[in-house]
PDB file of N, CA and C in Angstrom:
ATOM      1  N   MET A   1      10.300  -7.277 -15.036  1.00  0.00           N
ATOM      2  CA  MET A   1       9.124  -8.071 -13.696  1.00  0.00           C
ATOM      3  C   MET A   1       8.774  -9.284 -14.213  1.00  0.00           C
ATOM      4  N   PRO A   2       8.245  -9.699 -12.871  1.00  0.00           N
ATOM      5  CA  PRO A   2       7.434 -10.729 -12.396  1.00  0.00           C
ATOM      6  C   PRO A   2       5.694 -11.009 -12.759  1.00  0.00           C
ATOM      7  N   ASN A   3       5.246 -11.646 -14.179  1.00  0.00           N
ATOM      8  CA  ASN A   3       3.774 -10.390 -14.756  1.00  0.00           C
ATOM      9  C   ASN A   3       2.873 -11.740 -13.473  1.00  0.00           C
ATOM     10  N   LEU A   4       2.665 -10.598 -11.933  1.00  0.00           N
ATOM     11  CA  LEU A   4       1.478 -11.502 -10.866  1.00  0.00           C
ATOM     12  C   LEU A   4       0.372 -11.481 -11.992  1.00  0.00           C
ATOM     13  N   GLN A   5       0.396 -12.510 -11.232  1.00  0.00           N
ATOM     14  CA  GLN A   5      -1.095 -12.974 -11.368  1.00  0.00           C
ATOM     15  C   GLN A   5      -2.847 -12.921 -11.370  1.00  0.00           C
ATOM     16  N   HIS A   6      -2.205 -12.858  -9.472  1.00  0.00           N
ATOM     17  CA  HIS A   6      -3.467 -12.699  -8.281  1.00  0.00           C
ATOM     18  C   HIS A   6      -2.576 -12.823  -7.086  1.00  0.00           C
ATOM     19  N   ILE A   7      -3.204 -12.377  -6.131  1.00  0.00           N
ATOM     20  CA  ILE A   7      -3.209 -13.180  -4.662  1.00  0.00           C
ATOM     21  C   ILE A   7      -2.977 -14.954  -4.866  1.00  0.00           C
ATOM     22  N   ASP A   8      -2.210 -15.767  -4.283  1.00  0.00           N
ATOM     23  CA  ASP A   8      -2.104 -16.477  -4.152  1.00  0.00           C
ATOM     24  C   ASP A   8      -2.914 -16.979  -2.475  1.00  0.00           C
ATOM     25  N   HIS A   9      -2.547 -16.815  -1.450  1.00  0.00           N
ATOM     26  CA  HIS A   9      -3.609 -17.017  -0.308  1.00  0.00           C
ATOM     27  C   HIS A   9      -2.907 -16.765   0.758  1.00  0.00           C
ATOM     28  N   VAL A  10      -3.449 -16.244   1.680  1.00  0.00           N
ATOM     29  CA  VAL A  10      -3.248 -15.288   2.822  1.00  0.00           C
ATOM     30  C   VAL A  10      -3.225 -15.742   3.828  1.00  0.00           C
ATOM     31  N   ALA A  11      -1.955 -16.072   4.396  1.00  0.00           N
ATOM     32  CA  ALA A  11      -1.361 -16.744   5.899  1.00  0.00           C
ATOM     33  C   ALA A  11      -2.247 -15.821   6.641  1.00  0.00           C
ATOM     34  N   ILE A  12      -3.096 -16.890   8.305  1.00  0.00           N
ATOM     35  CA  ILE A  12      -2.724 -16.150   9.702  1.00  0.00           C
ATOM     36  C   ILE A  12      -2.926 -16.941  10.851  1.00  0.00           C
ATOM     37  N   THR A  13      -2.754 -16.822  11.631  1.00  0.00           N
ATOM     38  CA  THR A  13      -2.691 -17.644  13.307  1.00  0.00           C
ATOM     39  C   THR A  13      -3.826 -17.741  13.145  1.00  0.00           C
ATOM     40  N   VAL A  14      -4.137 -19.120  14.140  1.00  0.00           N
ATOM     41  CA  VAL A  14      -6.146 -19.314  14.622  1.00  0.00           C
ATOM     42  C   VAL A  14      -5.300 -20.192  15.661  1.00  0.00           C
ATOM     43  N   SER A  15      -6.327 -19.215  16.764  1.00  0.00           N
ATOM     44  CA  SER A  15      -6.251 -19.599  18.203  1.00  0.00           C
ATOM     45  C   SER A  15      -5.698 -21.467  18.161  1.00  0.00           C
ATOM     46  N   ASP A  16      -7.253 -22.171  17.495  1.00  0.00           N
ATOM     47  CA  ASP A  16      -7.895 -23.364  17.604  1.00  0.00           C
ATOM     48  C   ASP A  16      -8.457 -23.655  15.969  1.00  0.00           C
ATOM     49  N   LEU A  17      -7.473 -24.337  14.813  1.00  0.00           N
ATOM     50  CA  LEU A  17      -7.568 -24.805  13.849  1.00  0.00           C
ATOM     51  C   LEU A  17      -8.673 -25.462  13.194  1.00  0.00           C
ATOM     52  N   ALA A  18      -9.470 -26.438  14.335  1.00  0.00           N
ATOM     53  CA  ALA A  18     -11.036 -27.486  14.005  1.00  0.00           C
ATOM     54  C   ALA A  18     -12.092 -26.600  14.504  1.00  0.00           C
ATOM     55  N   ARG A  19     -11.983 -25.386  15.233  1.00  0.00           N
ATOM     56  CA  ARG A  19     -12.836 -23.783  15.045  1.00  0.00           C
ATOM     57  C   ARG A  19     -13.278 -23.718  14.289  1.00  0.00           C
ATOM     58  N   SER A  20     -11.995 -22.971  13.436  1.00  0.00           N
ATOM     59  CA  SER A  20     -11.745 -22.267  12.453  1.00  0.00           C
ATOM     60  C   SER A  20     -11.923 -22.747  11.343  1.00  0.00           C
ATOM     61  N   GLU A  21     -11.839 -23.343  11.163  1.00  0.00           N
ATOM     62  CA  GLU A  21     -12.400 -24.341   9.779  1.00  0.00           C
ATOM     63  C   GLU A  21     -13.544 -24.339   9.654  1.00  0.00           C
ATOM     64  N   GLU A  22     -14.034 -24.864  11.043  1.00  0.00           N
ATOM     65  CA  GLU A  22     -15.907 -25.104  10.648  1.00  0.00           C
ATOM     66  C   GLU A  22     -16.457 -23.787  10.525  1.00  0.00           C
ATOM     67  N   TRP A  23     -15.900 -22.588  11.741  1.00  0.00           N
ATOM     68  CA  TRP A  23     -16.512 -21.391  11.037  1.00  0.00           C
ATOM     69  C   TRP A  23     -16.254 -20.889   9.390  1.00  0.00           C
ATOM     70  N   TYR A  24     -15.311 -21.460   8.741  1.00  0.00           N
ATOM     71  CA  TYR A  24     -14.595 -20.298   7.884  1.00  0.00           C
ATOM     72  C   TYR A  24     -15.297 -21.188   6.170  1.00  0.00           C
ATOM     73  N   ARG A  25     -15.736 -22.928   7.239  1.00  0.00           N
ATOM     74  CA  ARG A  25     -16.509 -23.604   6.150  1.00  0.00           C
ATOM     75  C   ARG A  25     -17.932 -22.764   5.869  1.00  0.00           C
ATOM     76  N   THR A  26     -18.366 -23.156   7.549  1.00  0.00           N
ATOM     77  CA  THR A  26     -19.996 -22.681   7.398  1.00  0.00           C
ATOM     78  C   THR A  26     -20.370 -20.938   7.411  1.00  0.00           C
ATOM     79  N   VAL A  27     -19.285 -20.578   7.310  1.00  0.00           N
ATOM     80  CA  VAL A  27     -19.638 -19.284   7.114  1.00  0.00           C
ATOM     81  C   VAL A  27     -19.443 -17.716   6.676  1.00  0.00           C
ATOM     82  N   LEU A  28     -18.015 -18.397   4.915  1.00  0.00           N
ATOM     83  CA  LEU A  28     -18.025 -17.982   4.030  1.00  0.00           C
ATOM     84  C   LEU A  28     -18.692 -19.490   3.140  1.00  0.00           C
ATOM     85  N   GLY A  29     -18.607 -20.105   3.649  1.00  0.00           N
ATOM     86  CA  GLY A  29     -18.167 -21.420   2.865  1.00  0.00           C
ATOM     87  C   GLY A  29     -17.225 -22.328   1.111  1.00  0.00           C
ATOM     88  N   LEU A  30     -16.129 -21.404   2.526  1.00  0.00           N
ATOM     89  CA  LEU A  30     -15.117 -21.839   1.543  1.00  0.00           C
ATOM     90  C   LEU A  30     -14.594 -23.459   1.692  1.00  0.00           C
ATOM     91  N   GLU A  31     -14.182 -24.355   0.891  1.00  0.00           N
ATOM     92  CA  GLU A  31     -13.240 -25.093   1.184  1.00  0.00           C
ATOM     93  C   GLU A  31     -12.238 -26.369   1.133  1.00  0.00           C
ATOM     94  N   ARG A  32     -12.469 -26.858   2.329  1.00  0.00           N
ATOM     95  CA  ARG A  32     -11.709 -27.627   2.252  1.00  0.00           C
ATOM     96  C   ARG A  32     -10.059 -28.210   1.004  1.00  0.00           C
ATOM     97  N   ARG A  33      -8.730 -27.362   0.827  1.00  0.00           N
ATOM     98  CA  ARG A  33      -7.821 -27.917  -0.259  1.00  0.00           C
ATOM     99  C   ARG A  33      -6.478 -28.415   0.483  1.00  0.00           C
ATOM    100  N   PHE A  34      -5.543 -28.779  -0.786  1.00  0.00           N
ATOM    101  CA  PHE A  34      -4.462 -29.953  -0.275  1.00  0.00           C
ATOM    102  C   PHE A  34      -4.888 -30.552   0.920  1.00  0.00           C
ATOM    103  N   GLU A  35      -4.891 -31.764   0.883  1.00  0.00           N
ATOM    104  CA  GLU A  35      -5.639 -32.720   2.645  1.00  0.00           C
ATOM    105  C   GLU A  35      -4.431 -33.123   2.398  1.00  0.00           C
ATOM    106  N   MET A  36      -3.073 -33.481   1.499  1.00  0.00           N
ATOM    107  CA  MET A  36      -2.539 -33.919   2.034  1.00  0.00           C
ATOM    108  C   MET A  36      -1.812 -33.714   3.218  1.00  0.00           C
ATOM    109  N   TRP A  37      -1.795 -32.704   4.027  1.00  0.00           N
ATOM    110  CA  TRP A  37      -0.734 -31.663   4.795  1.00  0.00           C
ATOM    111  C   TRP A  37      -2.350 -31.621   6.047  1.00  0.00           C
ATOM    112  N   ASP A  38      -1.615 -31.821   7.494  1.00  0.00           N
ATOM    113  CA  ASP A  38      -2.270 -31.492   8.385  1.00  0.00           C
ATOM    114  C   ASP A  38      -2.272 -29.242   8.923  1.00  0.00           C
ATOM    115  N   GLU A  39      -0.804 -28.833   8.368  1.00  0.00           N
ATOM    116  CA  GLU A  39      -0.777 -27.729   8.401  1.00  0.00           C
ATOM    117  C   GLU A  39      -0.064 -26.711   7.831  1.00  0.00           C
ATOM    118  N   PRO A  40      -0.402 -26.248   6.815  1.00  0.00           N
ATOM    119  CA  PRO A  40      -1.541 -25.223   6.716  1.00  0.00           C
ATOM    120  C   PRO A  40      -2.466 -25.765   6.681  1.00  0.00           C
ATOM    121  N   LEU A  41      -3.851 -25.444   7.176  1.00  0.00           N
ATOM    122  CA  LEU A  41      -5.069 -25.687   7.070  1.00  0.00           C
ATOM    123  C   LEU A  41      -5.119 -25.172   5.997  1.00  0.00           C
ATOM    124  N   MET A  42      -6.109 -25.501   4.671  1.00  0.00           N
ATOM    125  CA  MET A  42      -6.806 -24.288   3.357  1.00  0.00           C
ATOM    126  C   MET A  42      -7.387 -24.523   3.050  1.00  0.00           C
ATOM    127  N   LEU A  43      -7.917 -23.674   3.327  1.00  0.00           N
ATOM    128  CA  LEU A  43      -9.262 -22.844   2.666  1.00  0.00           C
ATOM    129  C   LEU A  43      -9.482 -22.436   1.545  1.00  0.00           C
ATOM    130  N   GLY A  44     -10.224 -22.366   0.163  1.00  0.00           N
ATOM    131  CA  GLY A  44      -9.906 -21.815  -0.827  1.00  0.00           C
ATOM    132  C   GLY A  44     -11.345 -21.708  -1.696  1.00  0.00           C
ATOM    133  N   ALA A  45     -11.966 -20.251  -1.678  1.00  0.00           N
ATOM    134  CA  ALA A  45     -12.810 -20.269  -3.310  1.00  0.00           C
ATOM    135  C   ALA A  45     -12.075 -19.543  -4.064  1.00  0.00           C
ATOM    136  N   GLY A  46     -13.007 -20.388  -5.447  1.00  0.00           N
ATOM    137  CA  GLY A  46     -12.104 -20.163  -7.058  1.00  0.00           C
ATOM    138  C   GLY A  46     -10.936 -20.104  -6.712  1.00  0.00           C
ATOM    139  N   ASP A  47     -10.047 -19.261  -7.550  1.00  0.00           N
ATOM    140  CA  ASP A  47      -8.310 -19.328  -7.016  1.00  0.00           C
ATOM    141  C   ASP A  47      -7.888 -19.345  -5.688  1.00  0.00           C
ATOM    142  N   THR A  48      -8.182 -18.123  -4.970  1.00  0.00           N
ATOM    143  CA  THR A  48      -7.414 -17.960  -3.650  1.00  0.00           C
ATOM    144  C   THR A  48      -7.946 -18.634  -2.438  1.00  0.00           C
ATOM    145  N   CYS A  49      -6.932 -19.495  -1.423  1.00  0.00           N
ATOM    146  CA  CYS A  49      -7.218 -19.975  -0.634  1.00  0.00           C
ATOM    147  C   CYS A  49      -6.887 -18.654   1.097  1.00  0.00           C
ATOM    148  N   LEU A  50      -7.134 -19.356   1.894  1.00  0.00           N
ATOM    149  CA  LEU A  50      -6.628 -18.696   2.870  1.00  0.00           C
ATOM    150  C   LEU A  50      -5.791 -20.012   3.920  1.00  0.00           C
ATOM    151  N   ALA A  51      -5.034 -19.739   4.162  1.00  0.00           N
ATOM    152  CA  ALA A  51      -3.410 -20.808   4.792  1.00  0.00           C
ATOM    153  C   ALA A  51      -3.726 -19.985   6.822  1.00  0.00           C
ATOM    154  N   LEU A  52      -4.817 -21.521   7.337  1.00  0.00           N
ATOM    155  CA  LEU A  52      -4.872 -21.180   8.779  1.00  0.00           C
ATOM    156  C   LEU A  52      -3.821 -22.157   8.952  1.00  0.00           C
ATOM    157  N   PHE A  53      -2.541 -21.278  10.378  1.00  0.00           N
ATOM    158  CA  PHE A  53      -1.158 -21.487  11.116  1.00  0.00           C
ATOM    159  C   PHE A  53      -2.311 -21.844  12.463  1.00  0.00           C
ATOM    160  N   ALA A  54      -1.490 -22.903  13.595  1.00  0.00           N
ATOM    161  CA  ALA A  54      -1.550 -22.444  14.888  1.00  0.00           C
ATOM    162  C   ALA A  54      -1.151 -22.160  15.183  1.00  0.00           C
ATOM    163  N   ASP A  55      -2.003 -21.284  16.105  1.00  0.00           N
ATOM    164  CA  ASP A  55      -0.601 -20.021  17.102  1.00  0.00           C
ATOM    165  C   ASP A  55      -0.064 -20.920  18.178  1.00  0.00           C
ATOM    166  N   GLU A  56       1.061 -20.772  18.265  1.00  0.00           N
ATOM    167  CA  GLU A  56       2.400 -20.922  18.527  1.00  0.00           C
ATOM    168  C   GLU A  56       2.652 -20.325  19.661  1.00  0.00           C
ATOM    169  N   THR A  57       2.198 -18.292  19.345  1.00  0.00           N
ATOM    170  CA  THR A  57       2.082 -17.940  21.420  1.00  0.00           C
ATOM    171  C   THR A  57       1.790 -18.836  22.460  1.00  0.00           C
ATOM    172  N   LYS A  58       2.474 -18.198  23.376  1.00  0.00           N
ATOM    173  CA  LYS A  58       1.713 -18.677  24.583  1.00  0.00           C
ATOM    174  C   LYS A  58       1.086 -16.545  25.595  1.00  0.00           C
ATOM    175  N   GLY A  59       0.146 -16.846  26.054  1.00  0.00           N
ATOM    176  CA  GLY A  59      -0.280 -15.561  26.304  1.00  0.00           C
ATOM    177  C   GLY A  59      -0.947 -15.425  25.767  1.00  0.00           C
ATOM    178  N   ASP A  60      -1.311 -13.238  25.781  1.00  0.00           N
ATOM    179  CA  ASP A  60      -1.945 -12.844  25.312  1.00  0.00           C
ATOM    180  C   ASP A  60      -1.629 -12.879  23.676  1.00  0.00           C
ATOM    181  N   ARG A  61      -3.108 -13.194  23.006  1.00  0.00           N
ATOM    182  CA  ARG A  61      -2.925 -13.288  21.247  1.00  0.00           C
ATOM    183  C   ARG A  61      -2.665 -11.907  21.425  1.00  0.00           C
ATOM    184  N   ALA A  62      -3.092 -11.209  21.909  1.00  0.00           N
ATOM    185  CA  ALA A  62      -2.440  -9.570  20.720  1.00  0.00           C
ATOM    186  C   ALA A  62      -1.643  -9.188  20.067  1.00  0.00           C
ATOM    187  N   ASP A  63      -0.434  -9.907  21.196  1.00  0.00           N
ATOM    188  CA  ASP A  63       0.737  -9.854  20.755  1.00  0.00           C
ATOM    189  C   ASP A  63       1.035 -11.003  19.186  1.00  0.00           C
ATOM    190  N   ALA A  64       0.400 -11.646  19.546  1.00  0.00           N
ATOM    191  CA  ALA A  64       0.650 -12.672  18.601  1.00  0.00           C
ATOM    192  C   ALA A  64       0.184 -12.439  17.112  1.00  0.00           C
ATOM    193  N   PRO A  65       1.509 -12.307  15.448  1.00  0.00           N
ATOM    194  CA  PRO A  65       1.008 -11.829  15.283  1.00  0.00           C
ATOM    195  C   PRO A  65       0.268 -13.260  14.209  1.00  0.00           C
ATOM    196  N   HIS A  66      -0.874 -11.963  12.823  1.00  0.00           N
ATOM    197  CA  HIS A  66      -1.425 -12.472  12.530  1.00  0.00           C
ATOM    198  C   HIS A  66      -1.574 -12.941  11.039  1.00  0.00           C
ATOM    199  N   LEU A  67      -0.783 -11.906  10.329  1.00  0.00           N
ATOM    200  CA  LEU A  67      -0.500 -11.695   9.140  1.00  0.00           C
ATOM    201  C   LEU A  67       0.752 -12.265   9.108  1.00  0.00           C
ATOM    202  N   LEU A  68       0.147 -13.245   8.519  1.00  0.00           N
ATOM    203  CA  LEU A  68       2.748 -14.604   8.642  1.00  0.00           C
ATOM    204  C   LEU A  68       2.756 -13.655   7.218  1.00  0.00           C
ATOM    205  N   HIS A  69       2.365 -13.829   5.618  1.00  0.00           N
ATOM    206  CA  HIS A  69       2.137 -13.681   4.236  1.00  0.00           C
ATOM    207  C   HIS A  69       2.224 -12.953   3.661  1.00  0.00           C
ATOM    208  N   VAL A  70       2.117 -12.693   2.509  1.00  0.00           N
ATOM    209  CA  VAL A  70       0.812 -12.707   0.978  1.00  0.00           C
ATOM    210  C   VAL A  70       1.712 -13.245  -0.016  1.00  0.00           C
ATOM    211  N   ALA A  71       1.037 -13.740  -0.681  1.00  0.00           N
ATOM    212  CA  ALA A  71       1.607 -14.900  -1.343  1.00  0.00           C
ATOM    213  C   ALA A  71       0.796 -14.732  -3.075  1.00  0.00           C
ATOM    214  N   PHE A  72       1.637 -14.545  -3.513  1.00  0.00           N
ATOM    215  CA  PHE A  72       1.846 -14.303  -5.468  1.00  0.00           C
ATOM    216  C   PHE A  72       2.455 -14.936  -5.924  1.00  0.00           C
ATOM    217  N   ARG A  73       0.838 -15.737  -6.924  1.00  0.00           N
ATOM    218  CA  ARG A  73       1.130 -16.733  -7.596  1.00  0.00           C
ATOM    219  C   ARG A  73       1.774 -15.963  -9.384  1.00  0.00           C
ATOM    220  N   VAL A  74       2.582 -17.148  -9.383  1.00  0.00           N
ATOM    221  CA  VAL A  74       3.003 -16.814 -10.957  1.00  0.00           C
ATOM    222  C   VAL A  74       3.459 -17.872 -11.854  1.00  0.00           C
ATOM    223  N   ASP A  75       3.078 -17.626 -13.122  1.00  0.00           N
ATOM    224  CA  ASP A  75       3.637 -18.825 -13.063  1.00  0.00           C
ATOM    225  C   ASP A  75       4.836 -19.111 -13.664  1.00  0.00           C
ATOM    226  N   ARG A  76       5.820 -20.570 -13.869  1.00  0.00           N
ATOM    227  CA  ARG A  76       6.946 -20.485 -14.391  1.00  0.00           C
ATOM    228  C   ARG A  76       7.601 -19.565 -14.813  1.00  0.00           C
ATOM    229  N   GLU A  77       8.612 -19.005 -15.867  1.00  0.00           N
ATOM    230  CA  GLU A  77       9.241 -18.334 -16.377  1.00  0.00           C
ATOM    231  C   GLU A  77       8.780 -17.286 -14.705  1.00  0.00           C
ATOM    232  N   GLY A  78       7.895 -16.289 -14.469  1.00  0.00           N
ATOM    233  CA  GLY A  78       7.584 -15.669 -13.677  1.00  0.00           C
ATOM    234  C   GLY A  78       7.907 -16.289 -11.983  1.00  0.00           C
ATOM    235  N   PHE A  79       7.997 -16.484 -11.450  1.00  0.00           N
ATOM    236  CA  PHE A  79       8.556 -17.340 -11.464  1.00  0.00           C
ATOM    237  C   PHE A  79      10.734 -17.798 -11.626  1.00  0.00           C
ATOM    238  N   GLN A  80      10.957 -17.851 -12.249  1.00  0.00           N
ATOM    239  CA  GLN A  80      12.148 -17.490 -12.169  1.00  0.00           C
ATOM    240  C   GLN A  80      12.432 -16.322 -13.301  1.00  0.00           C
ATOM    241  N   ARG A  81      11.946 -15.336 -13.616  1.00  0.00           N
ATOM    242  CA  ARG A  81      12.422 -13.351 -13.839  1.00  0.00           C
ATOM    243  C   ARG A  81      12.143 -12.887 -12.150  1.00  0.00           C
ATOM    244  N   ALA A  82      11.353 -13.678 -11.372  1.00  0.00           N
ATOM    245  CA  ALA A  82      11.598 -12.685 -10.317  1.00  0.00           C
ATOM    246  C   ALA A  82      12.133 -13.268  -9.617  1.00  0.00           C
ATOM    247  N   GLN A  83      13.299 -14.560  -9.405  1.00  0.00           N
ATOM    248  CA  GLN A  83      14.282 -15.062  -8.483  1.00  0.00           C
ATOM    249  C   GLN A  83      15.658 -13.678  -9.252  1.00  0.00           C
ATOM    250  N   ASP A  84      15.591 -14.186 -10.443  1.00  0.00           N
ATOM    251  CA  ASP A  84      16.538 -13.739 -11.050  1.00  0.00           C
ATOM    252  C   ASP A  84      16.284 -11.787 -10.727  1.00  0.00           C
ATOM    253  N   GLU A  85      15.769 -11.676 -11.239  1.00  0.00           N
ATOM    254  CA  GLU A  85      15.099  -9.752 -10.168  1.00  0.00           C
ATOM    255  C   GLU A  85      15.983  -9.891  -9.602  1.00  0.00           C
ATOM    256  N   PHE A  86      15.702 -10.309  -8.535  1.00  0.00           N
ATOM    257  CA  PHE A  86      15.491 -10.113  -7.088  1.00  0.00           C
ATOM    258  C   PHE A  86      17.329 -10.407  -6.664  1.00  0.00           C
ATOM    259  N   ARG A  87      18.405 -11.379  -7.600  1.00  0.00           N
ATOM    260  CA  ARG A  87      19.532 -11.200  -7.342  1.00  0.00           C
ATOM    261  C   ARG A  87      19.988 -10.346  -8.318  1.00  0.00           C
ATOM    262  N   ALA A  88      19.952  -9.533  -9.058  1.00  0.00           N
ATOM    263  CA  ALA A  88      19.783  -8.853  -9.398  1.00  0.00           C
ATOM    264  C   ALA A  88      19.829  -7.160  -8.846  1.00  0.00           C
ATOM    265  N   ARG A  89      18.263  -7.185  -7.989  1.00  0.00           N
ATOM    266  CA  ARG A  89      18.461  -5.930  -7.589  1.00  0.00           C
ATOM    267  C   ARG A  89      18.949  -5.803  -5.560  1.00  0.00           C
ATOM    268  N   GLY A  90      19.924  -7.515  -5.725  1.00  0.00           N
ATOM    269  CA  GLY A  90      20.087  -7.129  -4.621  1.00  0.00           C
ATOM    270  C   GLY A  90      19.688  -8.388  -3.213  1.00  0.00           C
ATOM    271  N   VAL A  91      18.080  -8.144  -3.209  1.00  0.00           N
ATOM    272  CA  VAL A  91      17.469  -8.465  -2.445  1.00  0.00           C
ATOM    273  C   VAL A  91      17.170 -10.086  -2.281  1.00  0.00           C
ATOM    274  N   ASP A  92      17.602 -10.600  -1.110  1.00  0.00           N
ATOM    275  CA  ASP A  92      17.691 -11.460   0.044  1.00  0.00           C
ATOM    276  C   ASP A  92      16.670 -12.336  -0.067  1.00  0.00           C
ATOM    277  N   PHE A  93      15.983 -13.397  -0.035  1.00  0.00           N
ATOM    278  CA  PHE A  93      15.508 -14.849  -1.034  1.00  0.00           C
ATOM    279  C   PHE A  93      14.689 -15.734  -0.250  1.00  0.00           C
ATOM    280  N   ARG A  94      14.189 -16.763   0.270  1.00  0.00           N
ATOM    281  CA  ARG A  94      15.482 -17.918   0.787  1.00  0.00           C
ATOM    282  C   ARG A  94      13.216 -18.874  -0.287  1.00  0.00           C
ATOM    283  N   PHE A  95      14.428 -19.325  -1.278  1.00  0.00           N
ATOM    284  CA  PHE A  95      13.724 -21.137  -1.562  1.00  0.00           C
ATOM    285  C   PHE A  95      13.343 -21.974  -1.009  1.00  0.00           C
ATOM    286  N   SER A  96      11.799 -22.385  -1.706  1.00  0.00           N
ATOM    287  CA  SER A  96      11.300 -22.864  -0.292  1.00  0.00           C
ATOM    288  C   SER A  96      10.465 -24.285  -1.097  1.00  0.00           C
ATOM    289  N   ASP A  97      10.906 -25.578  -1.901  1.00  0.00           N
ATOM    290  CA  ASP A  97      10.032 -26.301  -2.033  1.00  0.00           C
ATOM    291  C   ASP A  97       8.996 -27.999  -1.492  1.00  0.00           C
ATOM    292  N   HIS A  98       8.145 -26.912  -2.010  1.00  0.00           N
ATOM    293  CA  HIS A  98       6.676 -27.622  -1.266  1.00  0.00           C
ATOM    294  C   HIS A  98       5.937 -28.762  -1.508  1.00  0.00           C
ATOM    295  N   GLY A  99       6.368 -29.356  -2.216  1.00  0.00           N
ATOM    296  CA  GLY A  99       5.820 -30.315  -3.330  1.00  0.00           C
ATOM    297  C   GLY A  99       5.467 -30.282  -4.349  1.00  0.00           C
ATOM    298  N   LEU A 100       4.005 -29.455  -4.255  1.00  0.00           N
ATOM    299  CA  LEU A 100       2.905 -29.443  -5.036  1.00  0.00           C
ATOM    300  C   LEU A 100       3.582 -28.015  -5.945  1.00  0.00           C
ATOM    301  N   ALA A 101       3.942 -26.310  -5.296  1.00  0.00           N
ATOM    302  CA  ALA A 101       5.059 -25.251  -5.567  1.00  0.00           C
ATOM    303  C   ALA A 101       5.920 -25.430  -4.784  1.00  0.00           C
ATOM    304  N   HIS A 102       6.570 -24.729  -5.845  1.00  0.00           N
ATOM    305  CA  HIS A 102       7.571 -23.997  -5.353  1.00  0.00           C
ATOM    306  C   HIS A 102       7.915 -22.413  -5.075  1.00  0.00           C
ATOM    307  N   SER A 103       8.306 -21.449  -4.119  1.00  0.00           N
ATOM    308  CA  SER A 103       7.707 -20.103  -3.629  1.00  0.00           C
ATOM    309  C   SER A 103       9.771 -19.891  -3.205  1.00  0.00           C
ATOM    310  N   VAL A 104       9.759 -18.523  -3.074  1.00  0.00           N
ATOM    311  CA  VAL A 104      10.501 -17.737  -3.147  1.00  0.00           C
ATOM    312  C   VAL A 104      10.153 -16.309  -2.099  1.00  0.00           C
ATOM    313  N   TYR A 105      11.182 -16.114  -0.747  1.00  0.00           N
ATOM    314  CA  TYR A 105       9.672 -15.388   0.074  1.00  0.00           C
ATOM    315  C   TYR A 105      11.176 -13.809   0.365  1.00  0.00           C
ATOM    316  N   ILE A 106      10.570 -13.685  -0.133  1.00  0.00           N
ATOM    317  CA  ILE A 106      10.941 -11.727   0.462  1.00  0.00           C
ATOM    318  C   ILE A 106      10.657 -11.034   1.592  1.00  0.00           C
ATOM    319  N   LYS A 107      11.594 -10.251   1.860  1.00  0.00           N
ATOM    320  CA  LYS A 107      10.633  -9.409   3.126  1.00  0.00           C
ATOM    321  C   LYS A 107      10.609  -7.609   2.944  1.00  0.00           C
ATOM    322  N   ASP A 108       9.460  -7.080   2.896  1.00  0.00           N
ATOM    323  CA  ASP A 108       9.017  -6.051   2.413  1.00  0.00           C
ATOM    324  C   ASP A 108       9.755  -5.045   3.517  1.00  0.00           C
ATOM    325  N   PRO A 109      10.403  -3.710   3.116  1.00  0.00           N
ATOM    326  CA  PRO A 109      10.687  -2.464   4.203  1.00  0.00           C
ATOM    327  C   PRO A 109      10.291  -3.104   5.143  1.00  0.00           C
ATOM    328  N   ASP A 110       9.194  -2.756   5.603  1.00  0.00           N
ATOM    329  CA  ASP A 110       8.721  -3.498   7.315  1.00  0.00           C
ATOM    330  C   ASP A 110       8.905  -4.475   7.997  1.00  0.00           C
ATOM    331  N   GLY A 111      10.014  -5.848   7.170  1.00  0.00           N
ATOM    332  CA  GLY A 111       9.903  -7.375   7.685  1.00  0.00           C
ATOM    333  C   GLY A 111       8.391  -8.116   6.812  1.00  0.00           C
ATOM    334  N   ASN A 112       7.313  -7.305   6.573  1.00  0.00           N
ATOM    335  CA  ASN A 112       6.463  -8.591   6.152  1.00  0.00           C
ATOM    336  C   ASN A 112       6.800  -9.487   5.159  1.00  0.00           C
ATOM    337  N   ARG A 113       6.950 -10.821   4.909  1.00  0.00           N
ATOM    338  CA  ARG A 113       6.642 -11.781   4.598  1.00  0.00           C
ATOM    339  C   ARG A 113       6.334 -11.385   3.151  1.00  0.00           C
ATOM    340  N   ILE A 114       5.969 -11.477   2.223  1.00  0.00           N
ATOM    341  CA  ILE A 114       5.897 -11.578   0.606  1.00  0.00           C
ATOM    342  C   ILE A 114       6.494 -12.940   0.273  1.00  0.00           C
ATOM    343  N   GLU A 115       5.441 -13.714  -0.650  1.00  0.00           N
ATOM    344  CA  GLU A 115       6.109 -14.784  -0.939  1.00  0.00           C
ATOM    345  C   GLU A 115       5.101 -15.150  -3.356  1.00  0.00           C
ATOM    346  N   ILE A 116       6.643 -15.819  -3.593  1.00  0.00           N
ATOM    347  CA  ILE A 116       5.757 -15.933  -4.546  1.00  0.00           C
ATOM    348  C   ILE A 116       6.412 -17.021  -5.321  1.00  0.00           C
ATOM    349  N   THR A 117       5.187 -17.948  -5.094  1.00  0.00           N
ATOM    350  CA  THR A 117       4.366 -18.772  -6.006  1.00  0.00           C
ATOM    351  C   THR A 117       4.155 -19.582  -6.939  1.00  0.00           C
ATOM    352  N   THR A 118       4.917 -21.457  -7.423  1.00  0.00           N
ATOM    353  CA  THR A 118       3.599 -21.501  -8.678  1.00  0.00           C
ATOM    354  C   THR A 118       3.786 -22.462  -8.636  1.00  0.00           C
ATOM    355  N   TYR A 119       3.164 -23.560  -9.567  1.00  0.00           N
ATOM    356  CA  TYR A 119       2.675 -24.862  -9.159  1.00  0.00           C
ATOM    357  C   TYR A 119       2.697 -24.984 -10.293  1.00  0.00           C
ATOM    358  N   GLU A 120       3.738 -24.346 -11.507  1.00  0.00           N
ATOM    359  CA  GLU A 120       4.227 -24.908 -12.318  1.00  0.00           C
ATOM    360  C   GLU A 120       5.492 -25.798 -12.237  1.00  0.00           C
ATOM    361  N   LEU A 121       5.054 -26.934 -11.804  1.00  0.00           N
ATOM    362  CA  LEU A 121       7.219 -27.385 -11.538  1.00  0.00           C
ATOM    363  C   LEU A 121       8.119 -28.171 -12.914  1.00  0.00           C
ATOM    364  N   ASP A 122       6.938 -28.090 -13.821  1.00  0.00           N
ATOM    365  CA  ASP A 122       8.261 -28.553 -14.704  1.00  0.00           C
ATOM    366  C   ASP A 122       8.309 -27.238 -15.464  1.00  0.00           C
TER     367      ASP A 122
END
């Protein structure tokens, strides 16, 4: 089993990125992280981030997904161990190279996406 360290980030959709950034910075004191891209807009405190994605749905936001995925951070060894474990158990996963991090994505029995991520690329 991978040695999960903590939740890395929680991803949510918002109707207005700029307004949401201002609110989270002003109300919760979160700081902008990873400014090399515009979306997701990453805001954090300590080792935990909130990833804000623009809501792509048209119309009623009640039908929009609000929680995109939950991400757990692991070290490089745990990242490889997780992939090995998923293969052994027949769990489908998708690898993604984010440049500054590598992730694999799986789905729970209800279809919720779970991300295992590492920032240790070497």
